[in-house]
Amino acid sequence: MRVNHHFTNVCYYHCSRNSKTAVIVCASQESAHTSETTNAFKFGQACRQISMTIRTQADMLGDLMKYHMRA
């Protein structure tokens, strides 16, 4: 699932470099906050699924050249 949201775009820009990122999920034991806590845990699980491969401009240029050589 891809969400096109301002926060997602900001995170992508800052996390798409060679960096480590931590996400802290806050939860409450009170039943009045069950829905919000459940959504927070789902968000945390979704964050665990994210992985990025760092590519240099040389890698991308090489791939682009290979693509155009086949055409």
PDB file of N, CA and C in Angstrom:
ATOM      1  N   MET A   1       0.840  -1.180   0.000  1.00  0.00           N
ATOM      2  CA  MET A   1       0.000   0.000   0.000  1.00  0.00           C
ATOM      3  C   MET A   1       0.881   1.238   0.000  1.00  0.00           C
ATOM      4  N   ARG A   2       0.639   2.131  -0.909  1.00  0.00           N
ATOM      5  CA  ARG A   2       1.416   3.354  -0.988  1.00  0.00           C
ATOM      6  C   ARG A   2       0.502   4.529  -0.661  1.00  0.00           C
ATOM      7  N   VAL A   3       0.907   5.297   0.318  1.00  0.00           N
ATOM      8  CA  VAL A   3       0.123   6.448   0.730  1.00  0.00           C
ATOM      9  C   VAL A   3       0.845   7.696   0.255  1.00  0.00           C
ATOM     10  N   ASN A   4       0.169   8.510  -0.521  1.00  0.00           N
ATOM     11  CA  ASN A   4       0.760   9.739  -1.016  1.00  0.00           C
ATOM     12  C   ASN A   4       0.349  10.857  -0.073  1.00  0.00           C
ATOM     13  N   HIS A   5       1.162  11.084   0.910  1.00  0.00           N
ATOM     14  CA  HIS A   5       0.856  12.034   1.964  1.00  0.00           C
ATOM     15  C   HIS A   5       2.074  12.924   2.180  1.00  0.00           C
ATOM     16  N   HIS A   6       1.868  14.156   2.600  1.00  0.00           N
ATOM     17  CA  HIS A   6       2.978  15.091   2.793  1.00  0.00           C
ATOM     18  C   HIS A   6       4.026  14.517   3.747  1.00  0.00           C
ATOM     19  N   PHE A   7       3.574  13.927   4.869  1.00  0.00           N
ATOM     20  CA  PHE A   7       4.504  13.353   5.835  1.00  0.00           C
ATOM     21  C   PHE A   7       5.328  12.236   5.208  1.00  0.00           C
ATOM     22  N   THR A   8       4.691  11.413   4.379  1.00  0.00           N
ATOM     23  CA  THR A   8       5.391  10.330   3.687  1.00  0.00           C
ATOM     24  C   THR A   8       6.462  10.892   2.769  1.00  0.00           C
ATOM     25  N   ASN A   9       6.132  11.958   2.044  1.00  0.00           N
ATOM     26  CA  ASN A   9       7.109  12.574   1.150  1.00  0.00           C
ATOM     27  C   ASN A   9       8.289  13.155   1.917  1.00  0.00           C
ATOM     28  N   VAL A  10       8.026  13.791   3.044  1.00  0.00           N
ATOM     29  CA  VAL A  10       9.099  14.353   3.865  1.00  0.00           C
ATOM     30  C   VAL A  10       9.992  13.237   4.392  1.00  0.00           C
ATOM     31  N   CYS A  11       9.373  12.175   4.890  1.00  0.00           N
ATOM     32  CA  CYS A  11      10.150  11.049   5.402  1.00  0.00           C
ATOM     33  C   CYS A  11      10.988  10.407   4.298  1.00  0.00           C
ATOM     34  N   TYR A  12      10.405  10.249   3.130  1.00  0.00           N
ATOM     35  CA  TYR A  12      11.127   9.636   2.025  1.00  0.00           C
ATOM     36  C   TYR A  12      12.364  10.452   1.677  1.00  0.00           C
ATOM     37  N   TYR A  13      12.218  11.771   1.618  1.00  0.00           N
ATOM     38  CA  TYR A  13      13.344  12.637   1.263  1.00  0.00           C
ATOM     39  C   TYR A  13      14.472  12.497   2.283  1.00  0.00           C
ATOM     40  N   HIS A  14      14.126  12.509   3.558  1.00  0.00           N
ATOM     41  CA  HIS A  14      15.154  12.490   4.594  1.00  0.00           C
ATOM     42  C   HIS A  14      15.684  11.090   4.881  1.00  0.00           C
ATOM     43  N   CYS A  15      14.915  10.071   4.595  1.00  0.00           N
ATOM     44  CA  CYS A  15      15.343   8.702   4.895  1.00  0.00           C
ATOM     45  C   CYS A  15      15.912   7.983   3.686  1.00  0.00           C
ATOM     46  N   SER A  16      15.889   8.614   2.528  1.00  0.00           N
ATOM     47  CA  SER A  16      16.338   7.929   1.322  1.00  0.00           C
ATOM     48  C   SER A  16      17.841   8.032   1.131  1.00  0.00           C
ATOM     49  N   ARG A  17      18.515   8.613   2.066  1.00  0.00           N
ATOM     50  CA  ARG A  17      19.963   8.680   2.004  1.00  0.00           C
ATOM     51  C   ARG A  17      20.539   7.557   2.857  1.00  0.00           C
ATOM     52  N   ASN A  18      21.854   7.502   2.929  1.00  0.00           N
ATOM     53  CA  ASN A  18      22.524   6.468   3.695  1.00  0.00           C
ATOM     54  C   ASN A  18      22.378   6.794   5.181  1.00  0.00           C
ATOM     55  N   SER A  19      21.279   6.380   5.777  1.00  0.00           N
ATOM     56  CA  SER A  19      20.998   6.731   7.167  1.00  0.00           C
ATOM     57  C   SER A  19      20.249   5.600   7.860  1.00  0.00           C
ATOM     58  N   LYS A  20      20.191   5.693   9.161  1.00  0.00           N
ATOM     59  CA  LYS A  20      19.381   4.772   9.952  1.00  0.00           C
ATOM     60  C   LYS A  20      18.235   5.572  10.539  1.00  0.00           C
ATOM     61  N   THR A  21      17.075   4.969  10.606  1.00  0.00           N
ATOM     62  CA  THR A  21      15.891   5.653  11.093  1.00  0.00           C
ATOM     63  C   THR A  21      15.233   4.812  12.177  1.00  0.00           C
ATOM     64  N   ALA A  22      14.774   5.467  13.216  1.00  0.00           N
ATOM     65  CA  ALA A  22      14.053   4.788  14.293  1.00  0.00           C
ATOM     66  C   ALA A  22      12.639   5.349  14.370  1.00  0.00           C
ATOM     67  N   VAL A  23      11.694   4.476  14.652  1.00  0.00           N
ATOM     68  CA  VAL A  23      10.301   4.889  14.847  1.00  0.00           C
ATOM     69  C   VAL A  23       9.896   4.452  16.247  1.00  0.00           C
ATOM     70  N   ILE A  24       9.386   5.377  17.017  1.00  0.00           N
ATOM     71  CA  ILE A  24       8.916   5.074  18.361  1.00  0.00           C
ATOM     72  C   ILE A  24       7.384   5.105  18.334  1.00  0.00           C
ATOM     73  N   VAL A  25       6.784   4.023  18.765  1.00  0.00           N
ATOM     74  CA  VAL A  25       5.332   3.921  18.788  1.00  0.00           C
ATOM     75  C   VAL A  25       4.872   3.989  20.243  1.00  0.00           C
ATOM     76  N   CYS A  26       3.997   4.916  20.523  1.00  0.00           N
ATOM     77  CA  CYS A  26       3.448   5.065  21.874  1.00  0.00           C
ATOM     78  C   CYS A  26       2.095   4.362  21.955  1.00  0.00           C
ATOM     79  N   ALA A  27       1.867   3.710  23.078  1.00  0.00           N
ATOM     80  CA  ALA A  27       0.614   2.973  23.253  1.00  0.00           C
ATOM     81  C   ALA A  27       0.048   3.246  24.649  1.00  0.00           C
ATOM     82  N   SER A  28      -1.232   3.008  24.784  1.00  0.00           N
ATOM     83  CA  SER A  28      -1.913   3.198  26.062  1.00  0.00           C
ATOM     84  C   SER A  28      -2.639   1.923  26.436  1.00  0.00           C
ATOM     85  N   GLN A  29      -2.647   1.611  27.727  1.00  0.00           N
ATOM     86  CA  GLN A  29      -3.355   0.416  28.207  1.00  0.00           C
ATOM     87  C   GLN A  29      -4.833   0.695  28.459  1.00  0.00           C
ATOM     88  N   GLU A  30      -5.220   1.949  28.444  1.00  0.00           N
ATOM     89  CA  GLU A  30      -6.606   2.304  28.739  1.00  0.00           C
ATOM     90  C   GLU A  30      -7.519   1.921  27.574  1.00  0.00           C
ATOM     91  N   SER A  31      -8.658   1.359  27.900  1.00  0.00           N
ATOM     92  CA  SER A  31      -9.588   0.895  26.863  1.00  0.00           C
ATOM     93  C   SER A  31     -10.138   2.048  26.029  1.00  0.00           C
ATOM     94  N   ALA A  32     -10.130   3.247  26.560  1.00  0.00           N
ATOM     95  CA  ALA A  32     -10.618   4.409  25.811  1.00  0.00           C
ATOM     96  C   ALA A  32      -9.731   4.718  24.608  1.00  0.00           C
ATOM     97  N   HIS A  33      -8.484   4.220  24.634  1.00  0.00           N
ATOM     98  CA  HIS A  33      -7.539   4.507  23.565  1.00  0.00           C
ATOM     99  C   HIS A  33      -7.213   3.272  22.724  1.00  0.00           C
ATOM    100  N   THR A  34      -8.072   2.262  22.769  1.00  0.00           N
ATOM    101  CA  THR A  34      -7.816   1.008  22.060  1.00  0.00           C
ATOM    102  C   THR A  34      -7.640   1.222  20.561  1.00  0.00           C
ATOM    103  N   SER A  35      -8.510   1.986  19.951  1.00  0.00           N
ATOM    104  CA  SER A  35      -8.451   2.198  18.505  1.00  0.00           C
ATOM    105  C   SER A  35      -7.155   2.909  18.111  1.00  0.00           C
ATOM    106  N   GLU A  36      -6.813   3.944  18.829  1.00  0.00           N
ATOM    107  CA  GLU A  36      -5.593   4.697  18.512  1.00  0.00           C
ATOM    108  C   GLU A  36      -4.346   3.841  18.732  1.00  0.00           C
ATOM    109  N   THR A  37      -4.338   3.048  19.794  1.00  0.00           N
ATOM    110  CA  THR A  37      -3.202   2.165  20.071  1.00  0.00           C
ATOM    111  C   THR A  37      -3.066   1.106  18.983  1.00  0.00           C
ATOM    112  N   THR A  38      -4.193   0.540  18.555  1.00  0.00           N
ATOM    113  CA  THR A  38      -4.167  -0.460  17.484  1.00  0.00           C
ATOM    114  C   THR A  38      -3.609   0.140  16.200  1.00  0.00           C
ATOM    115  N   ASN A  39      -4.050   1.338  15.850  1.00  0.00           N
ATOM    116  CA  ASN A  39      -3.536   2.011  14.646  1.00  0.00           C
ATOM    117  C   ASN A  39      -2.053   2.316  14.770  1.00  0.00           C
ATOM    118  N   ALA A  40      -1.608   2.686  15.957  1.00  0.00           N
ATOM    119  CA  ALA A  40      -0.181   2.962  16.173  1.00  0.00           C
ATOM    120  C   ALA A  40       0.642   1.697  15.955  1.00  0.00           C
ATOM    121  N   PHE A  41       0.151   0.555  16.473  1.00  0.00           N
ATOM    122  CA  PHE A  41       0.870  -0.705  16.270  1.00  0.00           C
ATOM    123  C   PHE A  41       0.883  -1.112  14.799  1.00  0.00           C
ATOM    124  N   LYS A  42      -0.213  -0.904  14.103  1.00  0.00           N
ATOM    125  CA  LYS A  42      -0.251  -1.208  12.661  1.00  0.00           C
ATOM    126  C   LYS A  42       0.754  -0.340  11.909  1.00  0.00           C
ATOM    127  N   PHE A  43       0.838   0.939  12.287  1.00  0.00           N
ATOM    128  CA  PHE A  43       1.813   1.833  11.669  1.00  0.00           C
ATOM    129  C   PHE A  43       3.232   1.337  11.941  1.00  0.00           C
ATOM    130  N   GLY A  44       3.502   0.930  13.174  1.00  0.00           N
ATOM    131  CA  GLY A  44       4.819   0.400  13.522  1.00  0.00           C
ATOM    132  C   GLY A  44       5.165  -0.841  12.722  1.00  0.00           C
ATOM    133  N   GLN A  45       4.193  -1.729  12.543  1.00  0.00           N
ATOM    134  CA  GLN A  45       4.429  -2.929  11.736  1.00  0.00           C
ATOM    135  C   GLN A  45       4.705  -2.567  10.281  1.00  0.00           C
ATOM    136  N   ALA A  46       3.984  -1.581   9.766  1.00  0.00           N
ATOM    137  CA  ALA A  46       4.214  -1.148   8.383  1.00  0.00           C
ATOM    138  C   ALA A  46       5.623  -0.561   8.239  1.00  0.00           C
ATOM    139  N   CYS A  47       6.070   0.157   9.250  1.00  0.00           N
ATOM    140  CA  CYS A  47       7.420   0.730   9.203  1.00  0.00           C
ATOM    141  C   CYS A  47       8.482  -0.356   9.164  1.00  0.00           C
ATOM    142  N   ARG A  48       8.233  -1.473   9.820  1.00  0.00           N
ATOM    143  CA  ARG A  48       9.201  -2.573   9.824  1.00  0.00           C
ATOM    144  C   ARG A  48       9.365  -3.186   8.433  1.00  0.00           C
ATOM    145  N   GLN A  49       8.355  -3.024   7.577  1.00  0.00           N
ATOM    146  CA  GLN A  49       8.388  -3.615   6.234  1.00  0.00           C
ATOM    147  C   GLN A  49       9.239  -2.801   5.260  1.00  0.00           C
ATOM    148  N   ILE A  50       9.562  -1.584   5.627  1.00  0.00           N
ATOM    149  CA  ILE A  50      10.265  -0.679   4.716  1.00  0.00           C
ATOM    150  C   ILE A  50      11.733  -1.043   4.641  1.00  0.00           C
ATOM    151  N   SER A  51      12.238  -1.145   3.437  1.00  0.00           N
ATOM    152  CA  SER A  51      13.675  -1.314   3.222  1.00  0.00           C
ATOM    153  C   SER A  51      14.043  -0.559   1.955  1.00  0.00           C
ATOM    154  N   MET A  52      15.232  -0.038   1.953  1.00  0.00           N
ATOM    155  CA  MET A  52      15.667   0.748   0.806  1.00  0.00           C
ATOM    156  C   MET A  52      17.024   0.240   0.342  1.00  0.00           C
ATOM    157  N   THR A  53      17.225   0.292  -0.933  1.00  0.00           N
ATOM    158  CA  THR A  53      18.509  -0.050  -1.519  1.00  0.00           C
ATOM    159  C   THR A  53      19.147   1.239  -2.011  1.00  0.00           C
ATOM    160  N   ILE A  54      20.331   1.504  -1.525  1.00  0.00           N
ATOM    161  CA  ILE A  54      21.041   2.715  -1.919  1.00  0.00           C
ATOM    162  C   ILE A  54      21.742   2.458  -3.250  1.00  0.00           C
ATOM    163  N   ARG A  55      21.496   3.323  -4.211  1.00  0.00           N
ATOM    164  CA  ARG A  55      22.132   3.205  -5.528  1.00  0.00           C
ATOM    165  C   ARG A  55      22.855   4.496  -5.836  1.00  0.00           C
ATOM    166  N   THR A  56      24.009   4.370  -6.420  1.00  0.00           N
ATOM    167  CA  THR A  56      24.761   5.556  -6.814  1.00  0.00           C
ATOM    168  C   THR A  56      24.280   6.027  -8.175  1.00  0.00           C
ATOM    169  N   GLN A  57      24.664   7.239  -8.536  1.00  0.00           N
ATOM    170  CA  GLN A  57      24.305   7.751  -9.858  1.00  0.00           C
ATOM    171  C   GLN A  57      24.959   6.919 -10.948  1.00  0.00           C
ATOM    172  N   ALA A  58      26.155   6.388 -10.671  1.00  0.00           N
ATOM    173  CA  ALA A  58      26.833   5.544 -11.657  1.00  0.00           C
ATOM    174  C   ALA A  58      26.027   4.275 -11.917  1.00  0.00           C
ATOM    175  N   ASP A  59      25.458   3.683 -10.866  1.00  0.00           N
ATOM    176  CA  ASP A  59      24.614   2.496 -11.034  1.00  0.00           C
ATOM    177  C   ASP A  59      23.407   2.812 -11.911  1.00  0.00           C
ATOM    178  N   MET A  60      22.757   3.933 -11.625  1.00  0.00           N
ATOM    179  CA  MET A  60      21.563   4.308 -12.381  1.00  0.00           C
ATOM    180  C   MET A  60      21.914   4.628 -13.832  1.00  0.00           C
ATOM    181  N   LEU A  61      23.044   5.281 -14.055  1.00  0.00           N
ATOM    182  CA  LEU A  61      23.469   5.606 -15.411  1.00  0.00           C
ATOM    183  C   LEU A  61      23.763   4.323 -16.193  1.00  0.00           C
ATOM    184  N   GLY A  62      24.439   3.370 -15.539  1.00  0.00           N
ATOM    185  CA  GLY A  62      24.720   2.088 -16.183  1.00  0.00           C
ATOM    186  C   GLY A  62      23.448   1.361 -16.577  1.00  0.00           C
ATOM    187  N   ASP A  63      22.467   1.348 -15.686  1.00  0.00           N
ATOM    188  CA  ASP A  63      21.178   0.710 -15.986  1.00  0.00           C
ATOM    189  C   ASP A  63      20.474   1.411 -17.135  1.00  0.00           C
ATOM    190  N   LEU A  64      20.534   2.721 -17.144  1.00  0.00           N
ATOM    191  CA  LEU A  64      19.902   3.501 -18.209  1.00  0.00           C
ATOM    192  C   LEU A  64      20.549   3.202 -19.551  1.00  0.00           C
ATOM    193  N   MET A  65      21.877   3.114 -19.558  1.00  0.00           N
ATOM    194  CA  MET A  65      22.586   2.811 -20.806  1.00  0.00           C
ATOM    195  C   MET A  65      22.238   1.408 -21.301  1.00  0.00           C
ATOM    196  N   LYS A  66      22.166   0.438 -20.396  1.00  0.00           N
ATOM    197  CA  LYS A  66      21.796  -0.928 -20.781  1.00  0.00           C
ATOM    198  C   LYS A  66      20.393  -0.958 -21.365  1.00  0.00           C
ATOM    199  N   TYR A  67      19.483  -0.210 -20.768  1.00  0.00           N
ATOM    200  CA  TYR A  67      18.109  -0.155 -21.228  1.00  0.00           C
ATOM    201  C   TYR A  67      18.031   0.387 -22.651  1.00  0.00           C
ATOM    202  N   HIS A  68      18.768   1.462 -22.928  1.00  0.00           N
ATOM    203  CA  HIS A  68      18.716   2.076 -24.255  1.00  0.00           C
ATOM    204  C   HIS A  68      19.484   1.273 -25.292  1.00  0.00           C
ATOM    205  N   MET A  69      20.465   0.485 -24.870  1.00  0.00           N
ATOM    206  CA  MET A  69      21.207  -0.365 -25.808  1.00  0.00           C
ATOM    207  C   MET A  69      20.316  -1.507 -26.315  1.00  0.00           C
ATOM    208  N   ARG A  70      19.391  -1.984 -25.442  1.00  0.00           N
ATOM    209  CA  ARG A  70      18.480  -3.063 -25.845  1.00  0.00           C
ATOM    210  C   ARG A  70      17.429  -2.560 -26.827  1.00  0.00           C
ATOM    211  N   ALA A  71      17.053  -1.314 -26.708  1.00  0.00           N
ATOM    212  CA  ALA A  71      15.954  -0.778 -27.542  1.00  0.00           C
ATOM    213  C   ALA A  71      16.336  -0.591 -28.970  1.00  0.00           C
TER     214      ALA A  71
END
